[in-house]
C-alpha atoms as a PDB file:
ATOM      1  CA  MET A   1      27.248  21.727 135.934  1.00  0.00           C
ATOM      2  CA  SER A   2      24.457  19.674 138.348  1.00  0.00           C
ATOM      3  CA  THR A   3      22.341  20.742 141.162  1.00  0.00           C
ATOM      4  CA  GLN A   4      23.195  19.423 144.734  1.00  0.00           C
ATOM      5  CA  PRO A   5      21.363  19.811 147.991  1.00  0.00           C
ATOM      6  CA  ILE A   6      21.800  23.133 149.372  1.00  0.00           C
ATOM      7  CA  ASP A   7      23.157  21.447 153.155  1.00  0.00           C
ATOM      8  CA  LEU A   8      25.993  20.241 151.175  1.00  0.00           C
ATOM      9  CA  LEU A   9      26.722  23.337 149.053  1.00  0.00           C
ATOM     10  CA  THR A  10      26.573  25.349 151.709  1.00  0.00           C
ATOM     11  CA  GLU A  11      29.320  23.145 153.939  1.00  0.00           C
ATOM     12  CA  GLN A  12      31.553  23.692 150.688  1.00  0.00           C
ATOM     13  CA  ILE A  13      30.865  27.390 150.211  1.00  0.00           C
ATOM     14  CA  MET A  14      31.496  27.831 154.214  1.00  0.00           C
ATOM     15  CA  ASN A  15      34.551  26.001 153.590  1.00  0.00           C
ATOM     16  CA  ARG A  16      36.148  27.935 150.787  1.00  0.00           C
ATOM     17  CA  TYR A  17      34.955  31.267 152.778  1.00  0.00           C
ATOM     18  CA  ASN A  18      37.294  30.007 155.748  1.00  0.00           C
ATOM     19  CA  LYS A  19      39.885  29.564 153.381  1.00  0.00           C
ATOM     20  CA  GLN A  20      39.513  33.113 151.991  1.00  0.00           C
ATOM     21  CA  PRO A  21      37.028  35.202 154.004  1.00  0.00           C
ATOM     22  CA  ILE A  22      37.829  38.013 151.386  1.00  0.00           C
ATOM     23  CA  GLY A  23      36.117  39.141 148.440  1.00  0.00           C
ATOM     24  CA  TRP A  24      32.647  37.656 148.996  1.00  0.00           C
ATOM     25  CA  SER A  25      29.348  39.143 148.343  1.00  0.00           C
ATOM     26  CA  ILE A  26      25.874  37.994 148.744  1.00  0.00           C
ATOM     27  CA  LEU A  27      22.488  38.634 147.147  1.00  0.00           C
ATOM     28  CA  ARG A  28      19.020  37.465 147.775  1.00  0.00           C
ATOM     29  CA  ASP A  29      15.681  38.154 146.961  1.00  0.00           C
ATOM     30  CA  LEU A  30      12.161  37.351 148.038  1.00  0.00           C
ATOM     31  CA  LYS A  31      11.837  34.582 146.105  1.00  0.00           C
ATOM     32  CA  GLY A  32      14.280  32.466 147.517  1.00  0.00           C
ATOM     33  CA  ASN A  33      17.118  32.821 145.488  1.00  0.00           C
ATOM     34  CA  VAL A  34      20.558  33.839 146.864  1.00  0.00           C
ATOM     35  CA  LEU A  35      23.529  34.694 144.759  1.00  0.00           C
ATOM     36  CA  ILE A  36      26.851  34.046 146.379  1.00  0.00           C
ATOM     37  CA  VAL A  37      30.042  35.406 144.708  1.00  0.00           C
ATOM     38  CA  GLY A  38      33.361  34.453 145.873  1.00  0.00           C
ATOM     39  CA  PRO A  39      37.029  35.426 145.230  1.00  0.00           C
ATOM     40  CA  LYS A  40      37.231  32.688 142.267  1.00  0.00           C
ATOM     41  CA  LYS A  41      33.741  31.125 142.163  1.00  0.00           C
ATOM     42  CA  GLY A  42      30.066  31.975 142.358  1.00  0.00           C
ATOM     43  CA  TYR A  43      27.037  30.009 143.203  1.00  0.00           C
ATOM     44  CA  MET A  44      23.056  30.273 142.735  1.00  0.00           C
ATOM     45  CA  LEU A  45      20.911  28.836 145.453  1.00  0.00           C
ATOM     46  CA  LYS A  46      17.228  27.950 145.188  1.00  0.00           C
ATOM     47  CA  VAL A  47      16.116  28.264 149.421  1.00  0.00           C
ATOM     48  CA  VAL A  48      12.602  26.704 149.625  1.00  0.00           C
ATOM     49  CA  THR A  49      11.152  27.663 153.621  1.00  0.00           C
ATOM     50  CA  ILE A  50       9.432  24.803 155.840  1.00  0.00           C
ATOM     51  CA  ASN A  51       9.315  26.886 158.411  1.00  0.00           C
ATOM     52  CA  PRO A  52      11.227  29.689 160.201  1.00  0.00           C
ATOM     53  CA  GLN A  53      14.004  27.934 161.603  1.00  0.00           C
ATOM     54  CA  GLU A  54      14.000  24.904 158.795  1.00  0.00           C
ATOM     55  CA  TYR A  55      14.704  25.023 154.997  1.00  0.00           C
ATOM     56  CA  THR A  56      15.548  23.123 151.791  1.00  0.00           C
ATOM     57  CA  GLY A  57      16.776  23.490 148.327  1.00  0.00           C
ATOM     58  CA  VAL A  58      19.354  22.955 145.913  1.00  0.00           C
ATOM     59  CA  GLY A  59      22.231  25.114 144.277  1.00  0.00           C
ATOM     60  CA  MET A  60      24.787  24.877 141.959  1.00  0.00           C
ATOM     61  CA  GLU A  61      27.935  26.637 140.787  1.00  0.00           C
ATOM     62  CA  ILE A  62      27.988  29.572 138.438  1.00  0.00           C
ATOM     63  CA  GLU A  63      30.513  28.795 135.416  1.00  0.00           C
ATOM     64  CA  ASN A  64      31.579  32.683 135.053  1.00  0.00           C
ATOM     65  CA  PRO A  65      30.466  35.152 137.822  1.00  0.00           C
ATOM     66  CA  ASN A  66      32.666  37.762 136.339  1.00  0.00           C
ATOM     67  CA  ASP A  67      29.606  39.682 135.356  1.00  0.00           C
ATOM     68  CA  ILE A  68      27.735  39.195 138.625  1.00  0.00           C
ATOM     69  CA  ARG A  69      31.087  40.767 140.346  1.00  0.00           C
ATOM     70  CA  THR A  70      30.681  44.034 138.112  1.00  0.00           C
ATOM     71  CA  LEU A  71      27.374  44.571 139.262  1.00  0.00           C
ATOM     72  CA  LEU A  72      28.604  44.410 142.749  1.00  0.00           C
ATOM     73  CA  LYS A  73      31.484  46.710 142.213  1.00  0.00           C
ATOM     74  CA  GLY A  74      31.806  49.339 145.094  1.00  0.00           C
ATOM     75  CA  ALA A  75      29.753  47.057 147.670  1.00  0.00           C
ATOM     76  CA  PRO A  76      30.927  46.187 150.864  1.00  0.00           C
ATOM     77  CA  GLN A  77      32.362  42.741 151.279  1.00  0.00           C
ATOM     78  CA  TYR A  78      30.308  40.203 152.935  1.00  0.00           C
ATOM     79  CA  GLY A  79      31.673  38.569 156.108  1.00  0.00           C
ATOM     80  CA  TYR A  80      31.789  38.208 159.528  1.00  0.00           C
ATOM     81  CA  ARG A  81      33.812  41.109 161.692  1.00  0.00           C
ATOM     82  CA  PRO A  82      34.077  40.648 165.374  1.00  0.00           C
ATOM     83  CA  LEU A  83      33.431  43.354 167.363  1.00  0.00           C
ATOM     84  CA  ARG A  84      35.131  44.266 171.026  1.00  0.00           C
ATOM     85  CA  LYS A  85      33.010  45.020 173.936  1.00  0.00           C
ATOM     86  CA  SER A  86      33.545  48.904 173.631  1.00  0.00           C
ATOM     87  CA  GLN A  87      32.504  48.807 170.025  1.00  0.00           C
ATOM     88  CA  ALA A  88      29.509  46.561 170.319  1.00  0.00           C
ATOM     89  CA  LYS A  89      28.322  48.968 172.624  1.00  0.00           C
ATOM     90  CA  LYS A  90      29.006  51.799 170.766  1.00  0.00           C
ATOM     91  CA  LEU A  91      27.091  50.375 167.670  1.00  0.00           C
ATOM     92  CA  LEU A  92      24.200  49.267 169.817  1.00  0.00           C
ATOM     93  CA  ASN A  93      24.017  53.015 171.138  1.00  0.00           C
ATOM     94  CA  SER A  94      24.267  54.612 168.167  1.00  0.00           C
ATOM     95  CA  PHE A  95      20.904  53.591 166.601  1.00  0.00           C
ATOM     96  CA  GLN A  96      19.128  56.389 167.576  1.00  0.00           C
ATOM     97  CA  GLN A  97      21.826  58.702 166.008  1.00  0.00           C
ATOM     98  CA  SER A  98      21.933  57.855 162.139  1.00  0.00           C
ATOM     99  CA  GLN A  99      25.164  59.879 161.406  1.00  0.00           C
ATOM    100  CA  THR A 100      26.977  58.148 164.040  1.00  0.00           C
ATOM    101  CA  HIS A 101      25.369  54.891 163.431  1.00  0.00           C
ATOM    102  CA  ASN A 102      26.115  55.285 159.592  1.00  0.00           C
ATOM    103  CA  ASN A 103      30.005  56.491 159.914  1.00  0.00           C
ATOM    104  CA  LEU A 104      30.672  53.420 162.604  1.00  0.00           C
ATOM    105  CA  LEU A 105      28.971  51.036 160.378  1.00  0.00           C
ATOM    106  CA  SER A 106      30.695  52.176 157.253  1.00  0.00           C
ATOM    107  CA  ASN A 107      34.217  51.963 159.211  1.00  0.00           C
ATOM    108  CA  ILE A 108      32.992  48.296 160.628  1.00  0.00           C
ATOM    109  CA  LEU A 109      32.698  47.329 156.596  1.00  0.00           C
ATOM    110  CA  LYS A 110      35.991  48.583 155.893  1.00  0.00           C
ATOM    111  CA  ARG A 111      37.460  45.865 157.960  1.00  0.00           C
ATOM    112  CA  LYS A 112      38.714  42.629 156.381  1.00  0.00           C
ATOM    113  CA  PRO A 113      36.387  39.721 157.335  1.00  0.00           C
ATOM    114  CA  VAL A 114      37.674  36.955 159.153  1.00  0.00           C
ATOM    115  CA  PRO A 115      36.991  32.723 159.171  1.00  0.00           C
ATOM    116  CA  THR A 116      34.380  31.412 161.339  1.00  0.00           C
ATOM    117  CA  TRP A 117      37.193  29.525 163.214  1.00  0.00           C
ATOM    118  CA  GLU A 118      38.656  32.821 164.321  1.00  0.00           C
ATOM    119  CA  LEU A 119      35.277  33.962 165.797  1.00  0.00           C
ATOM    120  CA  THR A 120      35.225  30.654 168.041  1.00  0.00           C
ATOM    121  CA  LYS A 121      38.679  31.398 169.024  1.00  0.00           C
ATOM    122  CA  LYS A 122      38.365  34.798 170.011  1.00  0.00           C
ATOM    123  CA  LYS A 123      34.558  34.844 171.496  1.00  0.00           C
ATOM    124  CA  PRO A 124      33.794  38.218 170.679  1.00  0.00           C
ATOM    125  CA  SER A 125      31.189  40.170 172.274  1.00  0.00           C
ATOM    126  CA  LEU A 126      29.116  40.856 169.051  1.00  0.00           C
ATOM    127  CA  ILE A 127      29.614  39.987 165.374  1.00  0.00           C
ATOM    128  CA  LEU A 128      28.410  41.866 162.740  1.00  0.00           C
ATOM    129  CA  ASN A 129      27.411  39.376 159.616  1.00  0.00           C
ATOM    130  CA  GLY A 130      26.862  40.728 156.298  1.00  0.00           C
ATOM    131  CA  PRO A 131      26.365  42.680 154.569  1.00  0.00           C
ATOM    132  CA  ILE A 132      23.639  40.527 152.374  1.00  0.00           C
ATOM    133  CA  ILE A 133      22.222  42.602 149.410  1.00  0.00           C
ATOM    134  CA  GLY A 134      18.861  42.559 148.814  1.00  0.00           C
ATOM    135  CA  HIS A 135      17.590  42.518 145.290  1.00  0.00           C
ATOM    136  CA  PRO A 136      13.911  42.486 143.840  1.00  0.00           C
ATOM    137  CA  ASP A 137      14.069  39.538 141.412  1.00  0.00           C
ATOM    138  CA  LEU A 138      17.732  38.000 140.852  1.00  0.00           C
ATOM    139  CA  SER A 139      16.283  36.454 137.752  1.00  0.00           C
ATOM    140  CA  THR A 140      16.524  39.490 135.795  1.00  0.00           C
ATOM    141  CA  ILE A 141      20.147  40.275 135.973  1.00  0.00           C
ATOM    142  CA  SER A 142      20.713  38.124 132.990  1.00  0.00           C
ATOM    143  CA  LYS A 143      19.357  36.017 130.504  1.00  0.00           C
ATOM    144  CA  SER A 144      21.388  33.254 131.879  1.00  0.00           C
ATOM    145  CA  GLN A 145      20.229  34.073 135.408  1.00  0.00           C
ATOM    146  CA  ARG A 146      17.062  33.844 134.215  1.00  0.00           C
ATOM    147  CA  LYS A 147      17.487  29.977 133.036  1.00  0.00           C
ATOM    148  CA  LEU A 148      19.363  29.197 135.617  1.00  0.00           C
ATOM    149  CA  ASN A 149      16.728  30.194 138.404  1.00  0.00           C
ATOM    150  CA  LEU A 150      14.391  28.486 136.345  1.00  0.00           C
ATOM    151  CA  LYS A 151      16.293  25.372 136.327  1.00  0.00           C
ATOM    152  CA  LEU A 152      17.092  25.438 140.558  1.00  0.00           C
ATOM    153  CA  LYS A 153      13.087  26.096 140.961  1.00  0.00           C
ATOM    154  CA  ILE A 154      12.593  22.964 139.578  1.00  0.00           C
ATOM    155  CA  GLU A 155      15.054  20.978 141.288  1.00  0.00           C
ATOM    156  CA  ALA A 156      14.354  22.775 144.176  1.00  0.00           C
ATOM    157  CA  GLN A 157      10.335  21.575 143.914  1.00  0.00           C
ATOM    158  CA  LYS A 158      11.495  17.996 143.134  1.00  0.00           C
ATOM    159  CA  LEU A 159      13.713  18.106 146.312  1.00  0.00           C
ATOM    160  CA  PHE A 160      10.961  19.360 148.401  1.00  0.00           C
ATOM    161  CA  LYS A 161       8.329  17.058 147.134  1.00  0.00           C
ATOM    162  CA  THR A 162      10.496  13.773 147.981  1.00  0.00           C
ATOM    163  CA  LYS A 163      12.262  15.145 151.411  1.00  0.00           C
ATOM    164  CA  TYR A 164       8.712  16.428 152.730  1.00  0.00           C
ATOM    165  CA  PRO A 165       5.899  14.846 150.532  1.00  0.00           C
ATOM    166  CA  HIS A 166       2.932  15.259 153.044  1.00  0.00           C
ATOM    167  CA  ARG A 167       3.528  18.978 153.222  1.00  0.00           C
ATOM    168  CA  ALA A 168       4.327  19.274 148.897  1.00  0.00           C
ATOM    169  CA  GLU A 169       0.657  17.403 149.087  1.00  0.00           C
ATOM    170  CA  MET A 170      -0.814  20.943 150.499  1.00  0.00           C
ATOM    171  CA  TYR A 171       0.641  22.868 147.434  1.00  0.00           C
ATOM    172  CA  ARG A 172      -0.859  21.110 144.809  1.00  0.00           C
END
């Protein structure tokens, strides 16, 4: 499979999420790698941060994400969970009491995630988005991940140099 610019790939991923919002997981590391596993397909992204509000990068579909699903077994599903005003207030007030906070978050994460269009329609007081699971280095998960990471890193740098030649020049 070939790499795609991250903006095109994230649009495809969001469309798939909105069609089936249950069964998603997201892992990320501090090196700009993001691993997204949906109910049927998986994706690996390499993100190049331009500034806090802007990024570029590339990604590609993972052919067999089953080994990654095994790694994520038991983790809460990623997704958007709308909260009523009373629930939002309870959650925000629970930060001082760790046990109450943990129980409340656990109960919210057990809910089924919803598509983004439902959020627009319902206009909830607060939206819990996530969880996104942190990992020290996603390239260490497997040999195939290491190869994929290297390929995406090279392609992301090419795209960065093409889109932002003056900024890329600073990093030579």
